[in-house]
Amino acid sequence: MFGIDESKLRILQLLRKPMTVTELARETGLSKATVSYHLRALQKLRLVKVERVEVCRNFMKKYFVSVLSSPDLIAPQEVKILSDFTLSREEFLRTLLRLLNVLNLDNVIVRKAGFDLGYHSLAEKIDGNIQDGLAEIWEKLNLGRVAESSKDRFVVEDCYNCSGLPAIGKPYCRIDEGIIEGVLCSKTGERKRVREIRCWGTGDDCCEFEIK
């Protein structure tokens, strides 16, 4: 699976506006072949799309654009992040988390941050049944609507983290995996393995976490 390296991230930054392979090669200093390779990878991740095609002297010129240039994709739908800057703290944090998850899908740092949050902060808020307490915290923090919370499964609808993001063939919610692991580790004294098996990133409309 393709990852997001420095060159791809630079291309994503440039593609806030439509650009051709030639224009991207000139701006990045990369060869056209290398730029084309990165574009194919970003298209597989559904982070880049062809906005339009122009025919110039019997040559088809493709203009690529980052899907992240659409504010409604990353930011909450009701927030017009490019027209004004009236984001609340909660909306800003949600926007930041969604962007981090898109750009750092294989980054263990995001998962580790979730684990530390769950272990050191959220676990102490739970008294009594761990599964019920975890579901209660999830909904109080508006992280989503918990459809199931058991010893081996945690299912969330309307996920704050990934709802509306494009399907890329793998899950987005690394930080949520970490949060659940951190809470369970703190409360049980055992290291549980939490893995997201369904997500908007896999083409599903809910998030399902497998707990082992």
Foldseek 3Di string as FASTA:
>chain_A
DDAFDPLLVVVQVVQLDWDFLVVSCVVRVHDSVVSVVSQVVCVLQVQKDFPDWDADPNDITTIMHGPVNDCVQQFPNVDPVVVDPPDDPLRVVLSVLLVCLSRCVPPCVLLQVLLCCQQPPQLVQDDDDLQVSVQVVCVVSPQFHWPDTDQFKTKGAPGSRHANHAANQAARPSSPQNNVQNNCCNVPVDGKHKDWDDHNNNVDRMIMITID
